[in-house]
Protein backbone atom coordinates (compact mmCIF):
# COMPACT_ATOMS: atom_id res chain seq x y z
CA MET A 1 -96.57 -17.97 -77.56
CA ASP A 2 -99.68 -15.48 -77.50
CA ARG A 3 -102.12 -15.76 -79.81
CA SER A 4 -102.26 -14.32 -77.94
CA ARG A 5 -100.88 -18.28 -78.57
CA ARG A 6 -103.97 -18.73 -77.87
CA SER A 7 -103.98 -19.83 -74.43
CA PRO A 8 -106.49 -21.50 -72.05
CA ASP A 9 -109.13 -19.33 -73.33
CA ARG A 10 -107.97 -20.11 -76.79
CA ASP A 11 -105.18 -17.42 -76.99
CA GLU A 12 -102.84 -17.97 -80.00
CA SER A 13 -100.40 -15.99 -77.97
CA THR A 14 -98.98 -18.73 -76.51
CA LEU A 15 -95.11 -18.96 -76.20
CA ALA A 16 -94.50 -22.14 -74.43
CA ALA A 17 -92.61 -21.95 -70.66
CA PRO A 18 -88.90 -23.57 -70.35
CA SER A 19 -88.56 -27.07 -69.76
CA GLY A 20 -90.26 -28.02 -66.48
CA ALA A 21 -92.76 -25.61 -66.18
CA ALA A 22 -96.13 -25.21 -67.25
CA PRO A 23 -96.64 -24.21 -71.07
CA GLU A 24 -98.08 -20.31 -71.24
CA ARG A 25 -100.23 -21.37 -73.57
CA SER A 26 -103.05 -18.92 -74.40
CA VAL A 27 -105.49 -20.69 -76.85
CA ALA A 28 -105.68 -19.81 -80.41
CA ALA A 29 -109.35 -18.93 -81.82
CA GLY A 30 -109.78 -22.36 -83.74
CA ARG A 31 -106.95 -25.35 -84.73
CA TRP A 32 -105.65 -24.15 -88.14
CA ILE A 33 -103.46 -27.54 -89.82
CA ALA A 34 -102.16 -27.08 -93.19
CA THR A 35 -99.33 -29.53 -94.46
CA GLY A 36 -95.81 -28.67 -96.64
CA VAL A 37 -94.87 -31.07 -98.94
CA ALA A 38 -91.60 -31.90 -100.51
CA VAL A 39 -90.87 -31.03 -104.60
CA GLY A 40 -92.60 -33.36 -106.37
CA ALA A 41 -94.85 -35.26 -104.14
CA THR A 42 -98.29 -35.14 -104.09
CA VAL A 43 -101.10 -34.31 -101.28
CA GLY A 44 -104.98 -35.30 -101.68
CA VAL A 45 -106.53 -32.52 -100.98
CA LEU A 46 -108.96 -32.13 -98.43
CA GLY A 47 -112.68 -32.82 -99.54
CA LEU A 48 -111.53 -33.60 -103.14
CA LEU A 49 -110.77 -37.48 -102.50
CA GLY A 50 -114.19 -38.14 -103.51
CA ALA A 51 -114.78 -40.12 -106.23
CA CYS A 52 -116.07 -38.86 -109.42
CA ALA A 53 -118.93 -40.69 -111.37
CA SER A 54 -118.80 -40.02 -115.02
CA SER A 55 -121.79 -41.83 -116.73
CA THR A 56 -122.03 -43.10 -119.73
CA SER A 57 -124.80 -43.95 -122.12
CA GLY A 58 -125.52 -47.30 -123.63
CA SER A 59 -127.65 -49.84 -123.39
CA ALA A 60 -129.16 -51.36 -120.18
CA GLY A 61 -126.59 -52.98 -117.89
CA SER A 62 -123.64 -50.70 -119.04
CA SER A 63 -121.53 -49.41 -115.86
CA SER A 64 -120.72 -46.18 -115.46
CA PRO A 65 -116.57 -45.34 -114.57
CA VAL A 66 -115.71 -43.89 -111.46
CA THR A 67 -112.42 -41.78 -111.57
CA ALA A 68 -111.10 -40.86 -108.38
CA ALA A 69 -109.82 -37.10 -107.70
CA LEU A 70 -106.03 -36.44 -109.33
CA PRO A 71 -104.07 -35.25 -106.18
CA VAL A 72 -102.55 -31.65 -105.95
CA THR A 73 -98.81 -31.72 -107.19
CA ALA A 74 -96.03 -29.16 -106.65
CA PRO A 75 -94.06 -28.06 -109.89
CA ALA A 76 -89.73 -27.97 -108.64
CA GLY A 77 -88.50 -25.22 -106.40
CA ASN A 78 -92.44 -25.37 -104.54
CA VAL A 79 -94.50 -27.19 -102.11
CA VAL A 80 -98.16 -28.01 -101.56
CA CYS A 81 -99.46 -25.81 -98.60
CA ASP A 82 -102.46 -26.77 -96.44
CA TYR A 83 -104.57 -24.06 -95.51
CA VAL A 84 -107.46 -25.03 -93.61
CA PRO A 85 -110.63 -23.00 -92.84
CA ASP A 86 -110.56 -22.29 -88.92
CA GLY A 87 -113.35 -19.91 -87.27
CA GLN A 88 -114.21 -16.34 -88.26
CA ALA A 89 -111.74 -14.27 -89.51
CA ALA A 90 -110.60 -11.16 -87.18
CA LYS A 91 -110.38 -8.84 -90.08
CA ALA A 92 -111.91 -10.43 -93.79
CA VAL A 93 -108.80 -11.63 -96.03
CA ASP A 94 -108.84 -14.66 -98.11
CA PRO A 95 -106.66 -17.73 -98.18
CA PRO A 96 -103.14 -18.00 -99.43
CA ALA A 97 -102.93 -20.36 -102.71
CA ALA A 98 -102.24 -24.21 -102.08
CA ILE A 99 -98.89 -23.75 -103.52
CA GLU A 100 -95.75 -21.95 -101.98
CA PRO A 101 -92.14 -21.12 -103.25
CA ASN A 102 -89.54 -23.05 -101.05
CA THR A 103 -86.41 -20.92 -102.41
CA GLY A 104 -85.69 -18.05 -103.28
CA ALA A 105 -84.78 -14.51 -100.54
CA ALA A 106 -87.86 -12.25 -99.36
CA THR A 107 -87.63 -9.83 -97.03
CA ALA A 108 -90.33 -8.60 -94.97
CA THR A 109 -90.37 -4.75 -93.20
CA ILE A 110 -92.91 -4.35 -90.28
CA GLU A 111 -93.50 -0.72 -89.60
CA LEU A 112 -93.99 -0.33 -85.91
CA THR A 113 -95.31 2.80 -83.75
CA GLY A 114 -95.34 2.79 -79.84
CA ALA A 115 -92.52 4.12 -77.46
CA ALA A 116 -89.94 3.47 -79.75
CA SER A 117 -91.33 3.75 -83.87
CA GLY A 118 -88.93 2.53 -87.06
CA PRO A 119 -88.81 -0.46 -89.45
CA VAL A 120 -88.45 -3.94 -88.39
CA THR A 121 -86.93 -5.39 -91.50
CA VAL A 122 -86.69 -9.19 -91.32
CA ASP A 123 -85.06 -12.01 -93.63
CA LEU A 124 -87.43 -14.75 -94.31
CA ASP A 125 -86.63 -18.21 -94.62
CA ARG A 126 -88.71 -20.26 -97.54
CA ALA A 127 -86.36 -23.32 -97.87
CA ILE A 128 -87.28 -24.04 -94.02
CA ALA A 129 -90.90 -22.94 -93.28
CA PRO A 130 -92.40 -22.20 -97.07
CA CYS A 131 -96.08 -22.42 -95.89
CA THR A 132 -95.49 -20.03 -93.35
CA VAL A 133 -93.50 -17.64 -95.09
CA GLY A 134 -96.27 -17.96 -97.70
CA SER A 135 -99.13 -17.47 -95.63
CA PHE A 136 -97.08 -14.50 -93.77
CA ALA A 137 -96.48 -12.39 -96.75
CA HIS A 138 -100.02 -13.17 -98.30
CA LEU A 139 -101.71 -11.31 -95.28
CA ALA A 140 -98.84 -8.57 -95.61
CA GLN A 141 -100.03 -7.78 -99.17
CA SER A 142 -103.17 -8.25 -98.83
CA GLY A 143 -103.51 -5.72 -95.84
CA TYR A 144 -103.91 -7.78 -92.61
CA TYR A 145 -101.66 -6.39 -90.39
CA ASP A 146 -102.00 -2.69 -91.63
CA GLY A 147 -103.33 -0.54 -88.30
CA THR A 148 -103.41 -3.66 -85.78
CA PRO A 149 -101.77 -3.73 -82.55
CA CYS A 150 -98.66 -5.94 -81.05
CA HIS A 151 -100.98 -7.31 -77.89
CA ARG A 152 -98.30 -8.54 -75.77
CA LEU A 153 -94.68 -8.26 -74.37
CA THR A 154 -93.40 -10.50 -72.11
CA ALA A 155 -90.12 -9.55 -70.10
CA SER A 156 -89.52 -12.58 -67.99
CA THR A 157 -86.39 -14.38 -66.99
CA THR A 158 -86.53 -16.48 -69.58
CA LEU A 159 -88.92 -14.99 -72.08
CA HIS A 160 -88.46 -12.09 -73.90
CA VAL A 161 -91.00 -11.20 -77.06
CA LEU A 162 -93.36 -8.76 -78.69
CA GLN A 163 -96.61 -10.48 -79.95
CA CYS A 164 -98.48 -8.97 -82.71
CA GLY A 165 -100.89 -10.40 -85.48
CA ASP A 166 -104.24 -10.39 -84.15
CA PRO A 167 -106.46 -7.60 -85.28
CA SER A 168 -108.91 -7.86 -82.45
CA GLY A 169 -105.67 -6.81 -80.23
CA THR A 170 -107.33 -9.96 -78.08
CA GLY A 171 -104.61 -12.58 -78.44
CA ARG A 172 -107.86 -14.74 -79.74
CA GLY A 173 -108.08 -13.73 -83.63
CA GLY A 174 -106.65 -15.08 -86.74
CA PRO A 175 -106.79 -15.19 -90.48
CA GLY A 176 -110.26 -17.63 -90.88
CA TYR A 177 -107.80 -20.34 -91.46
CA ALA A 178 -104.97 -22.78 -89.85
CA PHE A 179 -101.98 -24.66 -90.99
CA ALA A 180 -99.18 -26.60 -89.86
CA ASP A 181 -96.29 -26.22 -88.18
CA GLU A 182 -92.67 -26.07 -89.75
CA THR A 183 -90.12 -26.73 -86.87
CA ASP A 184 -87.35 -29.23 -86.03
CA PRO A 185 -85.78 -30.57 -82.63
CA GLY A 186 -83.17 -27.94 -82.86
CA MET A 187 -84.83 -24.73 -82.99
CA THR A 188 -84.00 -22.35 -81.10
CA TYR A 189 -84.88 -18.51 -80.11
CA PRO A 190 -82.10 -15.78 -80.06
CA ALA A 191 -82.60 -12.24 -79.90
CA GLY A 192 -83.76 -11.51 -83.43
CA THR A 193 -85.94 -14.53 -84.38
CA LEU A 194 -89.15 -14.35 -85.92
CA ALA A 195 -91.44 -16.85 -84.92
CA MET A 196 -95.01 -18.14 -85.44
CA ALA A 197 -97.60 -17.88 -81.94
CA ASN A 198 -100.00 -21.10 -81.74
CA ALA A 199 -102.40 -22.80 -79.58
CA GLY A 200 -100.62 -25.93 -79.68
CA PRO A 201 -99.55 -28.39 -82.59
CA ASP A 202 -100.57 -27.16 -86.19
CA THR A 203 -102.69 -24.19 -85.25
CA ASN A 204 -100.68 -21.60 -86.98
CA GLY A 205 -102.65 -18.83 -88.57
CA SER A 206 -102.00 -14.75 -88.18
CA GLN A 207 -100.04 -14.29 -84.85
CA PHE A 208 -96.24 -14.16 -84.29
CA PHE A 209 -93.72 -12.98 -82.22
CA LEU A 210 -90.39 -11.24 -82.40
CA VAL A 211 -87.88 -12.41 -80.04
CA TYR A 212 -85.95 -9.13 -78.43
CA GLN A 213 -83.56 -11.13 -76.57
CA ASP A 214 -82.52 -14.90 -76.12
CA SER A 215 -84.84 -16.74 -75.17
CA VAL A 216 -85.75 -20.00 -73.57
CA LEU A 217 -88.52 -21.77 -75.04
CA PRO A 218 -89.00 -26.15 -76.66
CA PRO A 219 -88.73 -25.99 -80.43
CA ASP A 220 -93.09 -25.97 -81.18
CA TYR A 221 -92.90 -22.54 -82.60
CA THR A 222 -92.30 -22.20 -86.21
CA VAL A 223 -89.14 -20.15 -86.99
CA PHE A 224 -89.29 -18.63 -90.15
CA GLY A 225 -87.23 -15.18 -90.40
CA THR A 226 -84.19 -12.88 -88.86
CA VAL A 227 -84.56 -9.74 -87.99
CA GLY A 228 -81.78 -7.54 -90.16
CA ASP A 229 -82.32 -4.47 -88.98
CA GLY A 230 -84.66 -2.79 -86.29
CA LEU A 231 -84.33 -4.76 -83.12
CA ASP A 232 -83.14 -1.38 -81.71
CA VAL A 233 -86.91 -0.56 -82.24
CA VAL A 234 -87.75 -3.69 -79.83
CA THR A 235 -85.86 -3.23 -77.71
CA GLY A 236 -87.20 0.13 -77.27
CA ILE A 237 -90.59 -0.78 -76.86
CA ALA A 238 -89.50 -3.14 -73.94
CA ALA A 239 -87.70 -1.03 -72.07
CA GLN A 240 -90.75 1.25 -71.34
CA GLY A 241 -92.30 -2.55 -69.64
CA THR A 242 -95.74 -3.87 -69.66
CA THR A 243 -99.01 -3.03 -67.78
CA SER A 244 -99.13 -5.65 -65.62
CA GLY A 245 -95.85 -7.15 -64.53
CA ASN A 246 -93.31 -8.64 -67.35
CA ASP A 247 -96.29 -10.03 -69.13
CA GLY A 248 -99.01 -8.13 -70.49
CA ALA A 249 -99.53 -5.31 -72.98
CA PRO A 250 -97.30 -2.65 -73.77
CA VAL A 251 -97.33 0.34 -71.59
CA GLN A 252 -97.32 2.47 -74.64
CA PRO A 253 -99.60 1.09 -77.73
CA VAL A 254 -97.59 -0.85 -79.98
CA THR A 255 -99.33 -0.75 -83.50
CA ILE A 256 -98.49 -2.11 -86.92
CA SER A 257 -98.67 0.73 -89.84
CA SER A 258 -97.74 -1.54 -91.92
CA VAL A 259 -96.14 -4.98 -93.65
CA THR A 260 -94.10 -5.37 -96.65
CA VAL A 261 -92.52 -8.30 -98.10
CA SER A 262 -90.44 -7.77 -101.43
């Protein structure tokens, strides 16, 4: 999707095109890689796999044992997520914690203002995409999305989305870290889907898109929520069209006033 899934010029706003057509990838601002690990599994932390020498005092000839760094483990009901540094953030924000829950309910409320205004409530799916939900919730709670634009609207035959999440409004901005996809071959994108925009495999950051009409995409974009109420706000924005054909900025600027997660 457009991160603008970053496209050839590195937009994170890239949404792929239907099968047989060239992907609409915009190239994101950096390759963001993270890894979710199942409960009880372990993962070595990048940069901490080197050996640590512990010195011992004693006579000449005594050796200093070398101890490997312990892997990070997640308690039951959680996973380990790897949020990797990725360029300069479009808006200052710290990365999320490395441990995220993969159980429990969460609801996001995205307040939009534009040709149509109002709250869009989304049920977030921690079981399917714990690292994605964790990052999104962290950015929301940090105020990262507040006052930022939804820079892209598409209305082609097969793609109907509103893309948001880049404070710079260029489709190239991100939070300064990246993380891995949480996709599966059966993912689809019906109306009401909330999914991540990216610039290719494992380049997720802050940009996301709301599907306002059933769309055809390859299963390359992490789905992490479903709109419960407020889809009419997005369709109202889409009804006004774009500034350039069927893929461009909304005719009337759209802004995220705030995002809350509870």
